[in-house]
Amino acid sequence: MRVPPPRPAAPPAADPPPARARKAPNAFRTISEVADELHIPQHVLRFWETRFPQVKPLKRGGGRRYYRPDDIALVRRISELLYIQGYTIKGVQRLLREGGGRLGEEIPPPSPAEISAAAAERARNPELPMPGLAASPAPAARVLVRQKQDPEAERLRDVLRETLRALGEMRALL
């Protein structure tokens, strides 16, 4: 009688895949990583590349963008000037020209004319993207129709507009 050969031992249980390693602070980032970190939609980052020639992420094969740490710092500063301090795109472009392509930390608050131009721009297009807002996967036309039907969303929008107007007035007083 023939004895079957011994069965090989079961392979050891596979270790769970390691957690995604954090990138070094000086590592390049993809557009999705930058968008997530700064709470700015990817399409806005691409738009800023057309408006600010200083924002030049490295592009590899297939057009994939890789942002250097300096690119990320510049985009973060542009975002702060546009969304927090109330500058317009033209105002930030002017600051970049005057600063030799750099945005220093000692930038004065926008002038009253700049604030009113930014408010007029927001009034013409109240759906301008703002940091912290999730990009909607639905087409813009469908989103606008849905927003008009939701009175709570309209009320919140009005509250935000009034708050931004009041903040602009307070900034002008300072």
C-alpha atoms as a PDB file:
ATOM      1  CA  MET A   1       0.000   0.000   0.000  1.00  0.00           C
ATOM      2  CA  ARG A   2       1.291   3.335  -1.011  1.00  0.00           C
ATOM      3  CA  VAL A   3       1.261   6.249   1.436  1.00  0.00           C
ATOM      4  CA  PRO A   4       0.504   9.661  -0.048  1.00  0.00           C
ATOM      5  CA  PRO A   5       3.200  12.275   0.441  1.00  0.00           C
ATOM      6  CA  PRO A   6       2.588  14.671   3.307  1.00  0.00           C
ATOM      7  CA  ARG A   7       0.652  17.772   2.447  1.00  0.00           C
ATOM      8  CA  PRO A   8       2.603  20.983   2.535  1.00  0.00           C
ATOM      9  CA  ALA A   9       1.833  23.219   5.467  1.00  0.00           C
ATOM     10  CA  ALA A  10      -0.723  25.912   4.837  1.00  0.00           C
ATOM     11  CA  PRO A  11       0.896  29.167   3.885  1.00  0.00           C
ATOM     12  CA  PRO A  12       1.085  31.636   6.748  1.00  0.00           C
ATOM     13  CA  ALA A  13      -1.810  34.035   6.973  1.00  0.00           C
ATOM     14  CA  ALA A  14      -1.137  36.985   4.756  1.00  0.00           C
ATOM     15  CA  ASP A  15      -0.289  40.141   6.627  1.00  0.00           C
ATOM     16  CA  PRO A  16      -2.795  42.902   6.083  1.00  0.00           C
ATOM     17  CA  PRO A  17      -1.612  45.389   3.510  1.00  0.00           C
ATOM     18  CA  PRO A  18       0.393  48.140   5.165  1.00  0.00           C
ATOM     19  CA  ALA A  19      -1.377  51.433   5.724  1.00  0.00           C
ATOM     20  CA  ARG A  20      -0.697  53.956   3.043  1.00  0.00           C
ATOM     21  CA  ALA A  21       2.561  55.614   3.930  1.00  0.00           C
ATOM     22  CA  ARG A  22       2.528  59.336   4.408  1.00  0.00           C
ATOM     23  CA  LYS A  23       4.508  61.272   1.891  1.00  0.00           C
ATOM     24  CA  ALA A  24       7.508  63.275   2.888  1.00  0.00           C
ATOM     25  CA  PRO A  25       6.830  67.008   3.248  1.00  0.00           C
ATOM     26  CA  ASN A  26       8.933  67.732   0.172  1.00  0.00           C
ATOM     27  CA  ALA A  27       7.318  65.032  -2.004  1.00  0.00           C
ATOM     28  CA  PHE A  28       5.368  65.919  -5.116  1.00  0.00           C
ATOM     29  CA  ARG A  29       1.578  65.680  -4.812  1.00  0.00           C
ATOM     30  CA  THR A  30      -1.075  64.824  -7.381  1.00  0.00           C
ATOM     31  CA  ILE A  31      -3.857  67.272  -8.144  1.00  0.00           C
ATOM     32  CA  SER A  32      -6.316  65.162  -6.151  1.00  0.00           C
ATOM     33  CA  GLU A  33      -4.041  65.230  -3.083  1.00  0.00           C
ATOM     34  CA  VAL A  34      -3.664  69.012  -3.345  1.00  0.00           C
ATOM     35  CA  ALA A  35      -7.405  69.474  -3.868  1.00  0.00           C
ATOM     36  CA  ASP A  36      -8.185  67.349  -0.809  1.00  0.00           C
ATOM     37  CA  GLU A  37      -5.573  69.071   1.349  1.00  0.00           C
ATOM     38  CA  LEU A  38      -6.641  72.616   0.457  1.00  0.00           C
ATOM     39  CA  HIS A  39     -10.390  71.917   0.053  1.00  0.00           C
ATOM     40  CA  ILE A  40     -10.372  73.342  -3.461  1.00  0.00           C
ATOM     41  CA  PRO A  41     -12.026  71.460  -6.343  1.00  0.00           C
ATOM     42  CA  GLN A  42      -9.635  70.077  -8.961  1.00  0.00           C
ATOM     43  CA  HIS A  43     -11.264  72.057 -11.745  1.00  0.00           C
ATOM     44  CA  VAL A  44     -10.522  75.278  -9.843  1.00  0.00           C
ATOM     45  CA  LEU A  45      -6.841  74.332  -9.586  1.00  0.00           C
ATOM     46  CA  ARG A  46      -6.774  73.707 -13.346  1.00  0.00           C
ATOM     47  CA  PHE A  47      -8.514  77.052 -13.925  1.00  0.00           C
ATOM     48  CA  TRP A  48      -5.948  78.846 -11.757  1.00  0.00           C
ATOM     49  CA  GLU A  49      -3.197  77.420 -13.966  1.00  0.00           C
ATOM     50  CA  THR A  50      -4.738  79.414 -16.845  1.00  0.00           C
ATOM     51  CA  ARG A  51      -5.016  82.618 -14.802  1.00  0.00           C
ATOM     52  CA  PHE A  52      -1.769  82.503 -12.823  1.00  0.00           C
ATOM     53  CA  PRO A  53       1.263  81.595 -14.957  1.00  0.00           C
ATOM     54  CA  GLN A  54       3.278  81.132 -11.751  1.00  0.00           C
ATOM     55  CA  VAL A  55       1.219  78.003 -10.947  1.00  0.00           C
ATOM     56  CA  LYS A  56       3.045  75.437 -13.050  1.00  0.00           C
ATOM     57  CA  PRO A  57       2.761  71.889 -11.751  1.00  0.00           C
ATOM     58  CA  LEU A  58       5.039  69.345 -13.353  1.00  0.00           C
ATOM     59  CA  LYS A  59       3.170  67.383 -16.028  1.00  0.00           C
ATOM     60  CA  ARG A  60       4.142  63.805 -16.799  1.00  0.00           C
ATOM     61  CA  GLY A  61       3.007  61.465 -19.540  1.00  0.00           C
ATOM     62  CA  GLY A  62      -0.717  61.542 -20.069  1.00  0.00           C
ATOM     63  CA  GLY A  63      -0.907  65.066 -18.659  1.00  0.00           C
ATOM     64  CA  ARG A  64      -0.901  63.986 -15.012  1.00  0.00           C
ATOM     65  CA  ARG A  65      -0.043  66.919 -12.770  1.00  0.00           C
ATOM     66  CA  TYR A  66       2.446  66.788  -9.913  1.00  0.00           C
ATOM     67  CA  TYR A  67       2.586  69.771  -7.577  1.00  0.00           C
ATOM     68  CA  ARG A  68       5.895  70.685  -5.930  1.00  0.00           C
ATOM     69  CA  PRO A  69       5.851  72.007  -2.346  1.00  0.00           C
ATOM     70  CA  ASP A  70       6.403  75.554  -3.692  1.00  0.00           C
ATOM     71  CA  ASP A  71       3.419  75.133  -6.047  1.00  0.00           C
ATOM     72  CA  ILE A  72       1.243  74.020  -3.130  1.00  0.00           C
ATOM     73  CA  ALA A  73       2.355  76.991  -1.003  1.00  0.00           C
ATOM     74  CA  LEU A  74       1.528  79.384  -3.866  1.00  0.00           C
ATOM     75  CA  VAL A  75      -1.908  77.825  -4.441  1.00  0.00           C
ATOM     76  CA  ARG A  76      -2.613  77.959  -0.696  1.00  0.00           C
ATOM     77  CA  ARG A  77      -1.690  81.664  -0.642  1.00  0.00           C
ATOM     78  CA  ILE A  78      -3.815  82.404  -3.743  1.00  0.00           C
ATOM     79  CA  SER A  79      -6.744  80.647  -2.081  1.00  0.00           C
ATOM     80  CA  GLU A  80      -6.308  82.708   1.085  1.00  0.00           C
ATOM     81  CA  LEU A  81      -6.176  85.969  -0.858  1.00  0.00           C
ATOM     82  CA  LEU A  82      -9.238  85.103  -2.958  1.00  0.00           C
ATOM     83  CA  TYR A  83     -11.479  83.464  -0.405  1.00  0.00           C
ATOM     84  CA  ILE A  84     -10.406  84.893   2.944  1.00  0.00           C
ATOM     85  CA  GLN A  85      -9.049  88.374   2.249  1.00  0.00           C
ATOM     86  CA  GLY A  86     -11.496  89.126  -0.570  1.00  0.00           C
ATOM     87  CA  TYR A  87      -9.178  89.886  -3.475  1.00  0.00           C
ATOM     88  CA  THR A  88     -10.326  89.352  -7.058  1.00  0.00           C
ATOM     89  CA  ILE A  89      -8.367  87.238  -9.524  1.00  0.00           C
ATOM     90  CA  LYS A  90      -7.124  90.433 -11.177  1.00  0.00           C
ATOM     91  CA  GLY A  91      -6.030  91.743  -7.783  1.00  0.00           C
ATOM     92  CA  VAL A  92      -4.012  88.603  -7.041  1.00  0.00           C
ATOM     93  CA  GLN A  93      -2.512  88.742 -10.552  1.00  0.00           C
ATOM     94  CA  ARG A  94      -1.434  92.323  -9.836  1.00  0.00           C
ATOM     95  CA  LEU A  95       0.109  91.292  -6.502  1.00  0.00           C
ATOM     96  CA  LEU A  96       2.035  88.510  -8.247  1.00  0.00           C
ATOM     97  CA  ARG A  97       3.301  90.935 -10.900  1.00  0.00           C
ATOM     98  CA  GLU A  98       4.344  93.490  -8.301  1.00  0.00           C
ATOM     99  CA  GLY A  99       5.996  90.826  -6.146  1.00  0.00           C
ATOM    100  CA  GLY A 100       8.023  89.359  -8.988  1.00  0.00           C
ATOM    101  CA  GLY A 101       5.937  86.180  -9.106  1.00  0.00           C
ATOM    102  CA  ARG A 102       5.854  85.696  -5.332  1.00  0.00           C
ATOM    103  CA  LEU A 103       3.193  86.451  -2.737  1.00  0.00           C
ATOM    104  CA  GLY A 104       4.729  87.691   0.492  1.00  0.00           C
ATOM    105  CA  GLU A 105       3.154  87.405   3.906  1.00  0.00           C
ATOM    106  CA  GLU A 106       2.898  91.181   4.321  1.00  0.00           C
ATOM    107  CA  ILE A 107       0.157  91.880   1.792  1.00  0.00           C
ATOM    108  CA  PRO A 108      -2.160  94.705   2.817  1.00  0.00           C
ATOM    109  CA  PRO A 109      -5.884  94.068   2.926  1.00  0.00           C
ATOM    110  CA  PRO A 110      -7.711  94.774  -0.305  1.00  0.00           C
ATOM    111  CA  SER A 111      -8.813  98.308  -1.008  1.00  0.00           C
ATOM    112  CA  PRO A 112     -12.511  99.182  -0.735  1.00  0.00           C
ATOM    113  CA  ALA A 113     -12.647  99.199  -4.548  1.00  0.00           C
ATOM    114  CA  GLU A 114     -11.161  95.679  -4.602  1.00  0.00           C
ATOM    115  CA  ILE A 115     -13.681  94.492  -1.997  1.00  0.00           C
ATOM    116  CA  SER A 116     -16.605  95.919  -3.950  1.00  0.00           C
ATOM    117  CA  ALA A 117     -15.275  94.375  -7.193  1.00  0.00           C
ATOM    118  CA  ALA A 118     -15.031  90.988  -5.457  1.00  0.00           C
ATOM    119  CA  ALA A 119     -18.561  91.400  -4.055  1.00  0.00           C
ATOM    120  CA  ALA A 120     -19.853  92.287  -7.530  1.00  0.00           C
ATOM    121  CA  GLU A 121     -18.115  89.225  -8.962  1.00  0.00           C
ATOM    122  CA  ARG A 122     -19.745  87.022  -6.314  1.00  0.00           C
ATOM    123  CA  ALA A 123     -23.129  88.645  -6.971  1.00  0.00           C
ATOM    124  CA  ARG A 124     -22.842  87.882 -10.697  1.00  0.00           C
ATOM    125  CA  ASN A 125     -21.897  84.298  -9.941  1.00  0.00           C
ATOM    126  CA  PRO A 126     -23.018  83.243  -6.445  1.00  0.00           C
ATOM    127  CA  GLU A 127     -21.987  79.664  -7.187  1.00  0.00           C
ATOM    128  CA  LEU A 128     -18.254  80.439  -7.181  1.00  0.00           C
ATOM    129  CA  PRO A 129     -16.394  77.548  -5.555  1.00  0.00           C
ATOM    130  CA  MET A 130     -15.275  78.140  -2.010  1.00  0.00           C
ATOM    131  CA  PRO A 131     -12.884  76.083   0.124  1.00  0.00           C
ATOM    132  CA  GLY A 132     -14.541  73.452   2.217  1.00  0.00           C
ATOM    133  CA  LEU A 133     -17.472  72.932  -0.115  1.00  0.00           C
ATOM    134  CA  ALA A 134     -17.676  69.555  -1.776  1.00  0.00           C
ATOM    135  CA  ALA A 135     -17.814  69.604  -5.534  1.00  0.00           C
ATOM    136  CA  SER A 136     -21.155  68.347  -6.739  1.00  0.00           C
ATOM    137  CA  PRO A 137     -21.045  65.433  -9.180  1.00  0.00           C
ATOM    138  CA  ALA A 138     -24.254  66.634 -10.842  1.00  0.00           C
ATOM    139  CA  PRO A 139     -24.094  68.990 -13.820  1.00  0.00           C
ATOM    140  CA  ALA A 140     -24.316  72.656 -12.877  1.00  0.00           C
ATOM    141  CA  ALA A 141     -27.700  73.184 -14.555  1.00  0.00           C
ATOM    142  CA  ARG A 142     -29.291  70.409 -12.524  1.00  0.00           C
ATOM    143  CA  VAL A 143     -27.732  71.711  -9.323  1.00  0.00           C
ATOM    144  CA  LEU A 144     -29.154  75.198  -9.879  1.00  0.00           C
ATOM    145  CA  VAL A 145     -32.647  73.816 -10.471  1.00  0.00           C
ATOM    146  CA  ARG A 146     -32.469  71.711  -7.326  1.00  0.00           C
ATOM    147  CA  GLN A 147     -31.146  74.638  -5.272  1.00  0.00           C
ATOM    148  CA  LYS A 148     -34.035  76.893  -6.268  1.00  0.00           C
ATOM    149  CA  GLN A 149     -36.483  74.240  -5.102  1.00  0.00           C
ATOM    150  CA  ASP A 150     -34.840  73.874  -1.680  1.00  0.00           C
ATOM    151  CA  PRO A 151     -35.875  76.817   0.526  1.00  0.00           C
ATOM    152  CA  GLU A 152     -33.486  75.808   3.333  1.00  0.00           C
ATOM    153  CA  ALA A 153     -30.496  75.902   0.961  1.00  0.00           C
ATOM    154  CA  GLU A 154     -31.622  79.321  -0.300  1.00  0.00           C
ATOM    155  CA  ARG A 155     -31.965  80.573   3.277  1.00  0.00           C
ATOM    156  CA  LEU A 156     -28.464  79.334   4.153  1.00  0.00           C
ATOM    157  CA  ARG A 157     -27.063  80.948   1.006  1.00  0.00           C
ATOM    158  CA  ASP A 158     -28.643  84.250   1.990  1.00  0.00           C
ATOM    159  CA  VAL A 159     -27.178  83.976   5.498  1.00  0.00           C
ATOM    160  CA  LEU A 160     -23.718  83.284   4.043  1.00  0.00           C
ATOM    161  CA  ARG A 161     -23.981  86.206   1.629  1.00  0.00           C
ATOM    162  CA  GLU A 162     -25.023  88.537   4.436  1.00  0.00           C
ATOM    163  CA  THR A 163     -22.178  87.268   6.634  1.00  0.00           C
ATOM    164  CA  LEU A 164     -19.632  87.819   3.854  1.00  0.00           C
ATOM    165  CA  ARG A 165     -20.997  91.330   3.260  1.00  0.00           C
ATOM    166  CA  ALA A 166     -20.756  92.135   6.975  1.00  0.00           C
ATOM    167  CA  LEU A 167     -17.204  90.789   7.135  1.00  0.00           C
ATOM    168  CA  GLY A 168     -16.257  92.947   4.157  1.00  0.00           C
ATOM    169  CA  GLU A 169     -17.663  95.991   5.929  1.00  0.00           C
ATOM    170  CA  MET A 170     -15.730  95.141   9.106  1.00  0.00           C
ATOM    171  CA  ARG A 171     -12.546  94.682   7.100  1.00  0.00           C
ATOM    172  CA  ALA A 172     -13.052  98.099   5.505  1.00  0.00           C
ATOM    173  CA  LEU A 173     -13.305  99.647   8.978  1.00  0.00           C
ATOM    174  CA  LEU A 174      -9.957  98.169  10.041  1.00  0.00           C
END
